[in-house]
Amino acid sequence: MEFKRIAITEKAIKVLNKLKEKYGELIFHQSGGCCDGSAPMVFEEGDMYLDDSDILLGQLEGVNYYMNQDQFEYWKHTHLTVDITEGRGSSFSLEIPLGVRFIIHSRLLTDEENVELNK
């Protein structure tokens, strides 16, 4: 069985697809606590500097989802689901002008997921 660290809701997929139509290639980056706290933010690919300290957690609808390794240490035992909520966040994420923002729901990994994903 293949386990994944991240998932996305249908509501969030609809917003993500609108952004892809408008901006093209995108990335998610989960911030490390500034502004909106630890929030998933979407940028045009190439607009966010990534380096060796950024970890690729997976893809959501063809969009890479990254997190800095320091932040990952806090989240490595959780499964994240990206969702959308109404209201403007205080970040530079591309969905903000739409009057919505991406949020995460988290749960602890099961024992089986933890063994497979954190080996």
Protein backbone atom coordinates (compact mmCIF):
# COMPACT_ATOMS: atom_id res chain seq x y z
CA MET A 1 0.00 0.00 0.00
CA GLU A 2 1.26 3.47 -0.87
CA PHE A 3 0.91 6.08 1.86
CA LYS A 4 0.91 9.81 1.23
CA ARG A 5 1.64 12.74 3.52
CA ILE A 6 -0.74 15.17 1.85
CA ALA A 7 -4.23 15.29 0.35
CA ILE A 8 -6.57 18.01 -0.92
CA THR A 9 -10.33 18.54 -0.65
CA GLU A 10 -12.61 18.96 -3.67
CA LYS A 11 -13.31 22.60 -2.70
CA ALA A 12 -9.59 23.34 -2.61
CA ILE A 13 -9.07 21.58 -5.96
CA LYS A 14 -11.57 23.94 -7.59
CA VAL A 15 -9.68 27.01 -6.33
CA LEU A 16 -6.32 25.48 -7.24
CA ASN A 17 -7.54 24.79 -10.80
CA LYS A 18 -8.70 28.42 -11.16
CA LEU A 19 -5.25 29.56 -10.12
CA LYS A 20 -3.56 27.17 -12.53
CA GLU A 21 -5.69 28.52 -15.38
CA LYS A 22 -4.73 32.10 -14.53
CA TYR A 23 -1.07 31.68 -13.55
CA GLY A 24 0.15 28.43 -15.10
CA GLU A 25 2.65 26.28 -13.21
CA LEU A 26 2.37 26.62 -9.42
CA ILE A 27 3.93 25.35 -6.21
CA PHE A 28 2.66 25.03 -2.65
CA HIS A 29 4.98 25.99 0.18
CA GLN A 30 3.95 25.59 3.78
CA SER A 31 5.22 28.57 5.68
CA GLY A 32 7.09 28.33 8.91
CA GLY A 33 4.90 30.44 11.13
CA CYS A 34 5.10 34.02 9.86
CA CYS A 35 1.96 36.01 9.02
CA ASP A 36 -0.74 33.33 8.77
CA GLY A 37 1.03 30.86 11.02
CA SER A 38 1.88 27.59 9.37
CA ALA A 39 -0.25 27.92 6.25
CA PRO A 40 -0.05 26.40 2.78
CA MET A 41 0.72 29.15 0.30
CA VAL A 42 0.59 28.99 -3.49
CA PHE A 43 3.08 30.76 -5.72
CA GLU A 44 3.87 30.78 -9.40
CA GLU A 45 6.62 28.29 -10.03
CA GLY A 46 9.91 30.18 -9.88
CA ASP A 47 8.57 33.00 -7.66
CA MET A 48 9.61 31.24 -4.45
CA TYR A 49 13.27 30.48 -3.89
CA LEU A 50 13.65 26.82 -2.95
CA ASP A 51 16.91 25.27 -1.79
CA ASP A 52 18.23 22.00 -0.34
CA SER A 53 16.45 22.72 2.95
CA ASP A 54 13.01 22.47 1.30
CA ILE A 55 11.43 19.02 1.29
CA LEU A 56 9.00 17.86 -1.39
CA LEU A 57 6.10 16.20 0.45
CA GLY A 58 4.24 15.21 -2.70
CA GLN A 59 1.96 16.59 -5.39
CA LEU A 60 -1.61 17.84 -5.29
CA GLU A 61 -3.28 17.99 -8.68
CA GLY A 62 0.14 18.21 -10.32
CA VAL A 63 1.34 20.98 -7.99
CA ASN A 64 4.44 20.22 -5.89
CA TYR A 65 4.01 20.75 -2.15
CA TYR A 66 7.15 21.83 -0.26
CA MET A 67 8.00 22.46 3.37
CA ASN A 68 11.24 23.66 4.92
CA GLN A 69 13.06 20.85 6.73
CA ASP A 70 12.99 22.72 10.07
CA GLN A 71 9.21 22.97 9.78
CA PHE A 72 9.03 19.36 8.60
CA GLU A 73 10.54 18.21 11.90
CA TYR A 74 7.37 19.45 13.64
CA TRP A 75 5.00 17.96 11.05
CA LYS A 76 6.67 14.68 10.02
CA HIS A 77 4.29 12.59 12.12
CA THR A 78 1.15 14.11 10.59
CA HIS A 79 -0.94 13.72 7.49
CA LEU A 80 -2.00 17.07 6.01
CA THR A 81 -5.17 17.80 4.07
CA VAL A 82 -5.30 21.11 2.20
CA ASP A 83 -8.70 22.77 2.35
CA ILE A 84 -10.10 26.21 1.61
CA THR A 85 -11.93 28.67 3.83
CA GLU A 86 -13.55 32.03 3.23
CA GLY A 87 -11.73 35.13 4.37
CA ARG A 88 -8.55 36.88 3.41
CA GLY A 89 -5.30 35.70 4.86
CA SER A 90 -2.40 38.03 5.43
CA SER A 91 0.04 36.26 3.13
CA PHE A 92 1.22 36.64 -0.44
CA SER A 93 -0.48 33.45 -1.58
CA LEU A 94 -2.22 33.69 -4.97
CA GLU A 95 -5.71 32.77 -3.73
CA ILE A 96 -5.98 35.77 -1.36
CA PRO A 97 -7.55 38.15 -3.96
CA LEU A 98 -10.34 35.57 -4.43
CA GLY A 99 -11.47 36.19 -0.82
CA VAL A 100 -10.45 32.70 0.29
CA ARG A 101 -7.35 31.09 1.70
CA PHE A 102 -5.86 27.65 1.86
CA ILE A 103 -5.72 26.00 5.28
CA ILE A 104 -4.58 22.61 6.50
CA HIS A 105 -6.27 19.97 8.58
CA SER A 106 -3.88 17.58 10.21
CA ARG A 107 -4.04 14.21 11.90
CA LEU A 108 -1.38 11.97 13.32
CA LEU A 109 -0.09 9.30 10.98
CA THR A 110 -1.21 5.78 11.74
CA ASP A 111 1.49 3.41 12.98
CA GLU A 112 1.69 1.84 9.50
CA GLU A 113 1.93 5.24 7.77
CA ASN A 114 4.59 6.40 10.24
CA VAL A 115 6.75 3.34 9.66
CA GLU A 116 6.55 3.70 5.88
CA LEU A 117 6.85 7.50 5.58
CA ASN A 118 9.49 8.12 8.28
CA LYS A 119 11.97 5.35 7.59
